[in-house]
C-alpha atoms as a PDB file:
ATOM      1  CA  MET A   1      13.311  76.944-121.132  1.00  0.00           C
ATOM      2  CA  CYS A   2      16.557  78.783-121.746  1.00  0.00           C
ATOM      3  CA  GLN A   3      19.608  77.001-120.326  1.00  0.00           C
ATOM      4  CA  PHE A   4      21.081  80.263-119.048  1.00  0.00           C
ATOM      5  CA  HIS A   5      17.982  81.016-116.996  1.00  0.00           C
ATOM      6  CA  GLN A   6      17.815  77.446-115.682  1.00  0.00           C
ATOM      7  CA  ILE A   7      21.397  77.762-114.435  1.00  0.00           C
ATOM      8  CA  ALA A   8      20.510  81.094-112.810  1.00  0.00           C
ATOM      9  CA  ILE A   9      17.533  79.500-111.031  1.00  0.00           C
ATOM     10  CA  VAL A  10      19.666  76.679-109.618  1.00  0.00           C
ATOM     11  CA  VAL A  11      22.454  79.039-108.518  1.00  0.00           C
ATOM     12  CA  ARG A  12      19.847  81.233-106.817  1.00  0.00           C
ATOM     13  CA  TYR A  13      18.630  78.234-104.802  1.00  0.00           C
ATOM     14  CA  LEU A  14      22.085  76.841-103.995  1.00  0.00           C
ATOM     15  CA  THR A  15      24.047  80.130-103.666  1.00  0.00           C
ATOM     16  CA  ARG A  16      27.298  80.862-105.459  1.00  0.00           C
ATOM     17  CA  ARG A  17      29.390  78.995-102.885  1.00  0.00           C
ATOM     18  CA  PRO A  18      27.347  76.091-101.518  1.00  0.00           C
ATOM     19  CA  ILE A  19      28.649  74.493 -98.340  1.00  0.00           C
ATOM     20  CA  LEU A  20      26.993  71.066 -98.467  1.00  0.00           C
ATOM     21  CA  LYS A  21      28.580  68.401-100.663  1.00  0.00           C
ATOM     22  CA  PRO A  22      25.315  67.497-102.484  1.00  0.00           C
ATOM     23  CA  SER A  23      24.742  71.173-103.288  1.00  0.00           C
ATOM     24  CA  GLN A  24      28.266  71.545-104.616  1.00  0.00           C
ATOM     25  CA  GLU A  25      27.830  68.487-106.831  1.00  0.00           C
ATOM     26  CA  LEU A  26      24.439  69.617-108.169  1.00  0.00           C
ATOM     27  CA  LYS A  27      25.819  73.055-108.964  1.00  0.00           C
ATOM     28  CA  LYS A  28      28.772  71.486-110.775  1.00  0.00           C
ATOM     29  CA  ILE A  29      26.420  69.307-112.841  1.00  0.00           C
ATOM     30  CA  THR A  30      24.191  72.285-113.605  1.00  0.00           C
ATOM     31  CA  LEU A  31      27.097  74.418-114.804  1.00  0.00           C
ATOM     32  CA  GLN A  32      27.845  71.687-117.391  1.00  0.00           C
ATOM     33  CA  LEU A  33      24.346  72.089-118.832  1.00  0.00           C
ATOM     34  CA  THR A  34      25.408  74.115-121.878  1.00  0.00           C
ATOM     35  CA  ASP A  35      28.242  71.716-122.779  1.00  0.00           C
ATOM     36  CA  LEU A  36      26.413  68.376-122.603  1.00  0.00           C
ATOM     37  CA  GLU A  37      23.941  66.494-124.749  1.00  0.00           C
ATOM     38  CA  GLY A  38      20.490  65.904-123.273  1.00  0.00           C
ATOM     39  CA  LYS A  39      21.037  62.224-122.518  1.00  0.00           C
ATOM     40  CA  GLU A  40      24.376  62.858-120.796  1.00  0.00           C
ATOM     41  CA  PHE A  41      22.926  65.591-118.597  1.00  0.00           C
ATOM     42  CA  THR A  42      19.888  63.476-117.710  1.00  0.00           C
ATOM     43  CA  GLU A  43      22.141  60.582-116.743  1.00  0.00           C
ATOM     44  CA  LEU A  44      24.312  62.817-114.532  1.00  0.00           C
ATOM     45  CA  LEU A  45      21.228  64.266-112.856  1.00  0.00           C
ATOM     46  CA  ASN A  46      19.684  60.838-112.244  1.00  0.00           C
ATOM     47  CA  ASN A  47      22.953  59.476-110.836  1.00  0.00           C
ATOM     48  CA  TRP A  48      23.208  62.491-108.521  1.00  0.00           C
ATOM     49  CA  TYR A  49      19.657  61.883-107.290  1.00  0.00           C
ATOM     50  CA  LEU A  50      20.281  58.180-106.648  1.00  0.00           C
ATOM     51  CA  LYS A  51      23.379  59.056-104.654  1.00  0.00           C
ATOM     52  CA  TRP A  52      21.691  61.737-102.518  1.00  0.00           C
ATOM     53  CA  GLN A  53      18.027  60.660-102.339  1.00  0.00           C
ATOM     54  CA  ASP A  54      18.209  59.762 -98.644  1.00  0.00           C
ATOM     55  CA  PHE A  55      19.799  63.135 -97.905  1.00  0.00           C
ATOM     56  CA  LEU A  56      16.996  64.903 -99.788  1.00  0.00           C
ATOM     57  CA  ARG A  57      14.347  63.028 -97.774  1.00  0.00           C
ATOM     58  CA  GLU A  58      15.670  64.210 -94.391  1.00  0.00           C
ATOM     59  CA  LYS A  59      13.002  65.903 -92.295  1.00  0.00           C
ATOM     60  CA  THR A  60      13.159  68.281 -89.367  1.00  0.00           C
ATOM     61  CA  VAL A  61      10.461  68.351 -86.695  1.00  0.00           C
ATOM     62  CA  ASP A  62       9.564  71.672 -85.101  1.00  0.00           C
ATOM     63  CA  PRO A  63       9.782  71.041 -81.327  1.00  0.00           C
ATOM     64  CA  ILE A  64       7.033  73.549 -80.548  1.00  0.00           C
ATOM     65  CA  THR A  65       4.360  72.631 -83.095  1.00  0.00           C
ATOM     66  CA  GLY A  66       5.421  69.069 -83.813  1.00  0.00           C
ATOM     67  CA  GLN A  67       5.103  69.667 -87.555  1.00  0.00           C
ATOM     68  CA  TRP A  68       7.813  68.498 -89.900  1.00  0.00           C
ATOM     69  CA  HIS A  69       9.406  70.033 -92.984  1.00  0.00           C
ATOM     70  CA  TYR A  70      12.158  68.939 -95.323  1.00  0.00           C
ATOM     71  CA  THR A  71      15.572  69.875 -93.979  1.00  0.00           C
ATOM     72  CA  HIS A  72      17.135  70.782 -97.334  1.00  0.00           C
ATOM     73  CA  LYS A  73      14.278  72.705 -98.967  1.00  0.00           C
ATOM     74  CA  ARG A  74      16.428  74.838-101.254  1.00  0.00           C
ATOM     75  CA  LEU A  75      18.410  71.850-102.542  1.00  0.00           C
ATOM     76  CA  ARG A  76      15.155  70.001-103.193  1.00  0.00           C
ATOM     77  CA  SER A  77      13.791  73.035-105.035  1.00  0.00           C
ATOM     78  CA  ALA A  78      16.893  73.309-107.216  1.00  0.00           C
ATOM     79  CA  TYR A  79      16.698  69.633-108.135  1.00  0.00           C
ATOM     80  CA  ARG A  80      12.951  69.809-108.770  1.00  0.00           C
ATOM     81  CA  SER A  81      13.402  72.822-111.049  1.00  0.00           C
ATOM     82  CA  LEU A  82      15.934  70.902-113.131  1.00  0.00           C
ATOM     83  CA  LYS A  83      13.768  67.789-113.197  1.00  0.00           C
ATOM     84  CA  ILE A  84      10.593  69.648-114.213  1.00  0.00           C
ATOM     85  CA  ASN A  85      12.314  71.709-116.941  1.00  0.00           C
ATOM     86  CA  LEU A  86      14.450  68.856-118.279  1.00  0.00           C
ATOM     87  CA  PRO A  87      12.177  68.080-121.264  1.00  0.00           C
ATOM     88  CA  TYR A  88      12.451  71.704-122.421  1.00  0.00           C
ATOM     89  CA  LEU A  89      16.162  72.357-121.825  1.00  0.00           C
ATOM     90  CA  PHE A  90      17.323  70.459-124.897  1.00  0.00           C
ATOM     91  CA  THR A  91      14.618  71.377-127.406  1.00  0.00           C
ATOM     92  CA  TYR A  92      17.280  72.962-129.609  1.00  0.00           C
ATOM     93  CA  GLN A  93      18.971  69.534-129.949  1.00  0.00           C
ATOM     94  CA  LYS A  94      15.736  67.789-130.933  1.00  0.00           C
ATOM     95  CA  TYR A  95      15.158  70.162-133.866  1.00  0.00           C
ATOM     96  CA  PRO A  96      18.575  71.040-135.334  1.00  0.00           C
ATOM     97  CA  GLU A  97      17.041  72.095-138.665  1.00  0.00           C
ATOM     98  CA  LEU A  98      15.326  75.037-136.926  1.00  0.00           C
ATOM     99  CA  HIS A  99      18.623  76.469-135.620  1.00  0.00           C
ATOM    100  CA  ILE A 100      17.167  77.204-132.181  1.00  0.00           C
ATOM    101  CA  PRO A 101      19.707  78.776-129.790  1.00  0.00           C
ATOM    102  CA  ASN A 102      20.202  77.139-126.384  1.00  0.00           C
ATOM    103  CA  THR A 103      19.885  80.502-124.622  1.00  0.00           C
ATOM    104  CA  CYS A 104      17.631  83.483-125.200  1.00  0.00           C
ATOM    105  CA  ASN A 105      20.370  86.099-124.854  1.00  0.00           C
ATOM    106  CA  SER A 106      19.841  87.419-128.392  1.00  0.00           C
ATOM    107  CA  LEU A 107      16.106  87.703-127.757  1.00  0.00           C
ATOM    108  CA  ASP A 108      16.693  89.668-124.555  1.00  0.00           C
ATOM    109  CA  GLY A 109      18.875  92.094-126.510  1.00  0.00           C
ATOM    110  CA  ASN A 110      16.150  92.686-129.098  1.00  0.00           C
ATOM    111  CA  ASN A 111      13.557  93.295-126.410  1.00  0.00           C
ATOM    112  CA  THR A 112      15.821  95.890-124.790  1.00  0.00           C
ATOM    113  CA  ILE A 113      16.017  97.829-128.044  1.00  0.00           C
ATOM    114  CA  LEU A 114      12.224  97.771-128.422  1.00  0.00           C
ATOM    115  CA  LYS A 115      11.654  98.843-124.821  1.00  0.00           C
ATOM    116  CA  THR A 116      14.099 101.739-125.175  1.00  0.00           C
ATOM    117  CA  LEU A 117      12.440 102.990-128.364  1.00  0.00           C
ATOM    118  CA  LEU A 118       8.991 102.715-126.826  1.00  0.00           C
ATOM    119  CA  ARG A 119      10.162 104.587-123.747  1.00  0.00           C
ATOM    120  CA  ILE A 120      11.620 107.387-125.887  1.00  0.00           C
ATOM    121  CA  HIS A 121       8.357 107.689-127.850  1.00  0.00           C
ATOM    122  CA  ARG A 122       6.044 107.167-124.894  1.00  0.00           C
ATOM    123  CA  GLY A 123       3.544 109.832-126.008  1.00  0.00           C
ATOM    124  CA  ILE A 124       2.498 108.184-129.283  1.00  0.00           C
ATOM    125  CA  SER A 125      -0.877 106.556-129.777  1.00  0.00           C
ATOM    126  CA  GLN A 126      -1.435 102.830-129.336  1.00  0.00           C
ATOM    127  CA  GLN A 127      -1.923 102.394-133.080  1.00  0.00           C
ATOM    128  CA  ASN A 128       1.326 104.170-133.979  1.00  0.00           C
ATOM    129  CA  ARG A 129       3.145 102.249-131.243  1.00  0.00           C
ATOM    130  CA  TYR A 130       1.968  98.986-132.828  1.00  0.00           C
ATOM    131  CA  LYS A 131       3.120 100.162-136.276  1.00  0.00           C
ATOM    132  CA  MET A 132       6.537 101.085-134.872  1.00  0.00           C
ATOM    133  CA  ILE A 133       6.983  97.675-133.255  1.00  0.00           C
ATOM    134  CA  CYS A 134       5.960  95.903-136.490  1.00  0.00           C
ATOM    135  CA  GLU A 135       8.383  98.022-138.517  1.00  0.00           C
ATOM    136  CA  ILE A 136      11.321  97.391-136.184  1.00  0.00           C
ATOM    137  CA  SER A 137      10.697  93.672-135.759  1.00  0.00           C
ATOM    138  CA  GLY A 138      10.144  93.095-139.466  1.00  0.00           C
ATOM    139  CA  ASN A 139       6.527  91.877-139.217  1.00  0.00           C
END
């Protein structure tokens, strides 16, 4: 998982200017993702959860149906996204000899070039399209 996209996911859940204190703190921790080592980030995230776990467990009961739902669904989703993707966010630190980037920005740029060329030559056969992609990508 690319760190840039993980940050974008969390910001999408929490908004750019969160109002609630737990949301503000989680966003602040998330924005430090690219600057921290894996263990440091994990520790910050776990400490945040321990501090706000009761807040995250708050439930709201619908007065009409009597069914309950979590009050802070978007905050829970942002935290869960970080927690689920945590093992993959620091893969580049586990294998330094491979020189893996922490974001996929360079990959996105290469894909844009390929898509543009394919769009320009949209009338070519499938076989020639494959040859063109192999030639451009170096395969």
